[in-house]
Structure formats: C-alpha cells, structure tokens
N, C-alpha and C. Protein backbone atom coordinates (compact mmCIF):
# COMPACT_ATOMS: atom_id res chain seq x y z
N MET A 1 13.26 5.32 7.13
CA MET A 1 12.91 3.92 7.26
C MET A 1 11.53 3.77 7.90
N ARG A 2 11.29 4.56 8.93
CA ARG A 2 9.99 4.51 9.61
C ARG A 2 8.87 4.92 8.66
N ASN A 3 9.11 5.98 7.88
CA ASN A 3 8.11 6.43 6.90
C ASN A 3 7.82 5.35 5.87
N GLU A 4 8.86 4.61 5.46
CA GLU A 4 8.65 3.55 4.48
C GLU A 4 7.72 2.48 5.03
N ARG A 5 7.90 2.13 6.33
CA ARG A 5 7.01 1.15 6.96
C ARG A 5 5.59 1.69 7.06
N GLU A 6 5.47 2.97 7.39
CA GLU A 6 4.14 3.57 7.50
C GLU A 6 3.46 3.66 6.13
N ILE A 7 4.23 3.95 5.10
CA ILE A 7 3.66 4.00 3.74
C ILE A 7 3.21 2.60 3.32
N ALA A 8 4.02 1.59 3.62
CA ALA A 8 3.64 0.21 3.31
C ALA A 8 2.38 -0.18 4.07
N ASN A 9 2.29 0.22 5.33
CA ASN A 9 1.10 -0.05 6.13
C ASN A 9 -0.12 0.66 5.55
N LEU A 10 0.08 1.90 5.13
CA LEU A 10 -1.01 2.68 4.53
C LEU A 10 -1.50 2.02 3.24
N ARG A 11 -0.59 1.56 2.41
CA ARG A 11 -0.98 0.87 1.17
C ARG A 11 -1.77 -0.39 1.47
N GLY A 12 -1.34 -1.13 2.49
CA GLY A 12 -2.05 -2.34 2.89
C GLY A 12 -3.45 -2.03 3.38
N LEU A 13 -3.58 -0.94 4.14
CA LEU A 13 -4.90 -0.54 4.63
C LEU A 13 -5.81 -0.12 3.48
N TYR A 14 -5.25 0.62 2.51
CA TYR A 14 -6.05 1.02 1.35
C TYR A 14 -6.52 -0.22 0.57
N THR A 15 -5.63 -1.20 0.41
CA THR A 15 -6.00 -2.42 -0.29
C THR A 15 -7.14 -3.14 0.43
N LYS A 16 -6.99 -3.28 1.74
CA LYS A 16 -8.03 -3.93 2.53
C LYS A 16 -9.35 -3.15 2.45
N TYR A 17 -9.25 -1.82 2.53
CA TYR A 17 -10.43 -0.95 2.47
C TYR A 17 -11.18 -1.13 1.15
N PHE A 18 -10.45 -1.05 0.04
CA PHE A 18 -11.12 -1.16 -1.26
C PHE A 18 -11.60 -2.57 -1.55
N ASN A 19 -10.90 -3.58 -1.05
CA ASN A 19 -11.40 -4.95 -1.19
C ASN A 19 -12.71 -5.14 -0.44
N ARG A 20 -12.80 -4.56 0.74
CA ARG A 20 -14.04 -4.66 1.51
C ARG A 20 -15.17 -3.89 0.83
N LEU A 21 -14.86 -2.73 0.28
CA LEU A 21 -15.89 -1.97 -0.45
C LEU A 21 -16.36 -2.73 -1.68
N GLU A 22 -15.41 -3.37 -2.37
CA GLU A 22 -15.78 -4.16 -3.54
C GLU A 22 -16.69 -5.33 -3.14
N GLU A 23 -16.39 -5.95 -2.02
CA GLU A 23 -17.23 -7.05 -1.53
C GLU A 23 -18.65 -6.57 -1.23
N ILE A 24 -18.75 -5.40 -0.60
CA ILE A 24 -20.07 -4.82 -0.31
C ILE A 24 -20.81 -4.55 -1.61
N TRP A 25 -20.12 -3.99 -2.59
CA TRP A 25 -20.74 -3.67 -3.89
C TRP A 25 -21.24 -4.94 -4.58
N ILE A 26 -20.42 -5.96 -4.58
CA ILE A 26 -20.81 -7.22 -5.22
C ILE A 26 -22.03 -7.81 -4.51
N ASN A 27 -22.04 -7.78 -3.19
CA ASN A 27 -23.19 -8.29 -2.44
C ASN A 27 -24.46 -7.51 -2.76
N LEU A 28 -24.31 -6.22 -2.94
CA LEU A 28 -25.46 -5.39 -3.26
C LEU A 28 -25.95 -5.68 -4.68
N GLU A 29 -25.03 -5.74 -5.62
CA GLU A 29 -25.39 -5.97 -7.02
C GLU A 29 -25.98 -7.36 -7.26
N SER A 30 -25.53 -8.33 -6.50
CA SER A 30 -26.02 -9.70 -6.70
C SER A 30 -27.22 -10.03 -5.80
N ASP A 31 -27.72 -9.02 -5.11
CA ASP A 31 -28.85 -9.19 -4.19
C ASP A 31 -28.57 -10.20 -3.08
N THR A 32 -27.30 -10.40 -2.76
CA THR A 32 -26.92 -11.27 -1.66
C THR A 32 -27.21 -10.59 -0.33
N SER A 33 -27.10 -9.26 -0.31
CA SER A 33 -27.35 -8.47 0.89
C SER A 33 -28.32 -7.35 0.54
N SER A 34 -29.05 -6.93 1.54
CA SER A 34 -29.99 -5.83 1.34
C SER A 34 -29.25 -4.50 1.36
N ILE A 35 -29.93 -3.47 0.93
CA ILE A 35 -29.34 -2.12 0.97
C ILE A 35 -28.98 -1.74 2.40
N GLU A 36 -29.84 -2.10 3.34
CA GLU A 36 -29.59 -1.77 4.74
C GLU A 36 -28.34 -2.49 5.26
N GLU A 37 -28.20 -3.77 4.91
CA GLU A 37 -27.02 -4.52 5.34
C GLU A 37 -25.75 -3.94 4.73
N CYS A 38 -25.83 -3.62 3.46
CA CYS A 38 -24.67 -3.04 2.78
C CYS A 38 -24.33 -1.67 3.35
N SER A 39 -25.34 -0.91 3.67
CA SER A 39 -25.11 0.40 4.25
C SER A 39 -24.41 0.27 5.61
N ARG A 40 -24.87 -0.66 6.43
CA ARG A 40 -24.23 -0.89 7.73
C ARG A 40 -22.78 -1.35 7.55
N SER A 41 -22.59 -2.25 6.59
CA SER A 41 -21.24 -2.75 6.32
C SER A 41 -20.32 -1.62 5.86
N TYR A 42 -20.84 -0.77 4.98
CA TYR A 42 -20.05 0.35 4.48
C TYR A 42 -19.59 1.26 5.62
N PHE A 43 -20.52 1.65 6.47
CA PHE A 43 -20.16 2.57 7.55
C PHE A 43 -19.27 1.89 8.58
N SER A 44 -19.40 0.59 8.72
CA SER A 44 -18.50 -0.16 9.60
C SER A 44 -17.08 -0.13 9.05
N VAL A 45 -16.94 -0.42 7.76
CA VAL A 45 -15.62 -0.39 7.12
C VAL A 45 -15.04 1.02 7.16
N LYS A 46 -15.88 1.99 6.90
CA LYS A 46 -15.42 3.38 6.88
C LYS A 46 -14.90 3.79 8.25
N SER A 47 -15.61 3.42 9.31
CA SER A 47 -15.15 3.82 10.64
C SER A 47 -13.95 2.98 11.08
N GLU A 48 -13.95 1.70 10.72
CA GLU A 48 -12.86 0.81 11.13
C GLU A 48 -11.55 1.14 10.43
N LEU A 49 -11.58 1.16 9.12
CA LEU A 49 -10.36 1.37 8.34
C LEU A 49 -10.14 2.82 7.94
N GLY A 50 -11.22 3.53 7.66
CA GLY A 50 -11.10 4.91 7.19
C GLY A 50 -10.41 5.81 8.18
N GLU A 51 -10.72 5.65 9.45
CA GLU A 51 -10.10 6.50 10.47
C GLU A 51 -8.61 6.20 10.61
N GLU A 52 -8.26 4.91 10.53
CA GLU A 52 -6.85 4.54 10.63
C GLU A 52 -6.08 5.05 9.41
N ILE A 53 -6.68 4.91 8.23
CA ILE A 53 -6.06 5.42 7.01
C ILE A 53 -5.84 6.93 7.11
N GLN A 54 -6.86 7.64 7.55
CA GLN A 54 -6.77 9.10 7.65
C GLN A 54 -5.70 9.52 8.65
N SER A 55 -5.60 8.78 9.75
CA SER A 55 -4.61 9.10 10.76
C SER A 55 -3.19 8.96 10.21
N ILE A 56 -2.91 7.86 9.53
CA ILE A 56 -1.58 7.65 8.96
C ILE A 56 -1.32 8.66 7.84
N ASP A 57 -2.32 8.90 7.01
CA ASP A 57 -2.18 9.85 5.91
C ASP A 57 -1.85 11.24 6.45
N ASN A 58 -2.54 11.65 7.50
CA ASN A 58 -2.27 12.96 8.11
C ASN A 58 -0.87 13.02 8.70
N LYS A 59 -0.44 11.93 9.31
CA LYS A 59 0.89 11.89 9.92
C LYS A 59 1.98 12.01 8.86
N LEU A 60 1.78 11.32 7.74
CA LEU A 60 2.78 11.35 6.67
C LEU A 60 2.72 12.63 5.84
N HIS A 61 1.56 13.26 5.80
CA HIS A 61 1.34 14.52 5.08
C HIS A 61 1.81 14.40 3.62
N ILE A 62 1.37 13.32 2.97
CA ILE A 62 1.80 13.03 1.60
C ILE A 62 1.31 14.08 0.62
N ASN A 63 0.04 14.48 0.72
CA ASN A 63 -0.51 15.45 -0.23
C ASN A 63 0.24 16.77 -0.20
N GLY A 64 0.62 17.22 0.96
CA GLY A 64 1.38 18.46 1.07
C GLY A 64 2.74 18.35 0.43
N LYS A 65 3.38 17.18 0.57
CA LYS A 65 4.70 16.97 -0.02
C LYS A 65 4.60 16.93 -1.54
N ILE A 66 3.56 16.29 -2.05
CA ILE A 66 3.38 16.22 -3.50
C ILE A 66 3.15 17.62 -4.06
N LYS A 67 2.34 18.42 -3.37
CA LYS A 67 2.07 19.78 -3.82
C LYS A 67 3.36 20.60 -3.83
N THR A 68 4.18 20.45 -2.80
CA THR A 68 5.45 21.18 -2.73
C THR A 68 6.37 20.77 -3.87
N ILE A 69 6.46 19.48 -4.14
CA ILE A 69 7.30 19.00 -5.24
C ILE A 69 6.79 19.55 -6.57
N TYR A 70 5.47 19.53 -6.77
CA TYR A 70 4.87 20.05 -8.00
C TYR A 70 5.20 21.54 -8.18
N GLN A 71 5.06 22.31 -7.10
CA GLN A 71 5.33 23.74 -7.18
C GLN A 71 6.79 24.00 -7.52
N GLU A 72 7.69 23.24 -6.91
CA GLU A 72 9.12 23.40 -7.19
C GLU A 72 9.43 23.03 -8.64
N ALA A 73 8.82 21.95 -9.13
CA ALA A 73 9.03 21.54 -10.53
C ALA A 73 8.51 22.60 -11.49
N GLU A 74 7.35 23.16 -11.19
CA GLU A 74 6.78 24.20 -12.05
C GLU A 74 7.68 25.44 -12.07
N LYS A 75 8.22 25.81 -10.92
CA LYS A 75 9.11 26.97 -10.84
C LYS A 75 10.37 26.74 -11.66
N GLU A 76 10.94 25.53 -11.55
CA GLU A 76 12.15 25.21 -12.31
C GLU A 76 11.86 25.16 -13.82
N ALA A 77 10.72 24.62 -14.19
CA ALA A 77 10.34 24.56 -15.61
C ALA A 77 10.16 25.96 -16.18
N ASN A 78 9.50 26.83 -15.44
CA ASN A 78 9.32 28.22 -15.89
C ASN A 78 10.64 28.94 -16.03
N LYS A 79 11.53 28.71 -15.08
CA LYS A 79 12.86 29.33 -15.12
C LYS A 79 13.61 28.84 -16.36
N TYR A 80 13.55 27.55 -16.64
CA TYR A 80 14.20 27.00 -17.82
C TYR A 80 13.63 27.59 -19.11
N LEU A 81 12.30 27.63 -19.20
CA LEU A 81 11.66 28.16 -20.40
C LEU A 81 11.97 29.64 -20.59
N THR A 82 12.04 30.38 -19.51
CA THR A 82 12.34 31.82 -19.59
C THR A 82 13.76 32.04 -20.11
N THR A 83 14.70 31.24 -19.65
CA THR A 83 16.09 31.43 -20.11
C THR A 83 16.31 30.89 -21.52
N ARG A 84 15.53 29.93 -21.95
CA ARG A 84 15.70 29.33 -23.28
C ARG A 84 14.93 30.08 -24.35
N TYR A 85 13.77 30.63 -24.01
CA TYR A 85 12.92 31.24 -25.05
C TYR A 85 12.61 32.64 -24.71
C-alpha cells in the first residue's frame, strides 16, 4: 500500500516535471523568454523536482525490479522453447 502511494506520488512529480519543461520549451520557442531565463528555469526545475523524483525512484528501485522480471520471463521462455522444440 505504501509503495502504491509512493508510485502515485512519483507519477505526479513526473507529470509536474514534464509540464514545467514543456512550459520552458514553449517560452523559448515563442521568444517569450531568453535562453538565459530558460536555462535558469530548467536548472531550477531540475534541482527542485529532479532530486525528489530521483530519491523516490531510488527508494522504489523500479528499474531493478523490471530487469529481474524480464530476466525471469526470458528464462521461462527459453525453458519452454527448449522443451517444445
């Protein structure tokens, strides 16, 4: 249950992060903001949200779990193919 809340929080942070990046991009493309302003905004967003995202991601260790599941699936598929063919 706790992991589910942390995953939901992580998804929310990713959404906020990418929305902010999109806003910076639009401001840059429409010449609403200078390159320097956009650069400052980018690094502000990166330090503000990026560190929090990385912290939760590391705590949940999602990539490691996905890799383990993939390896197990590959092993089972190979075992099936070996016995069938």
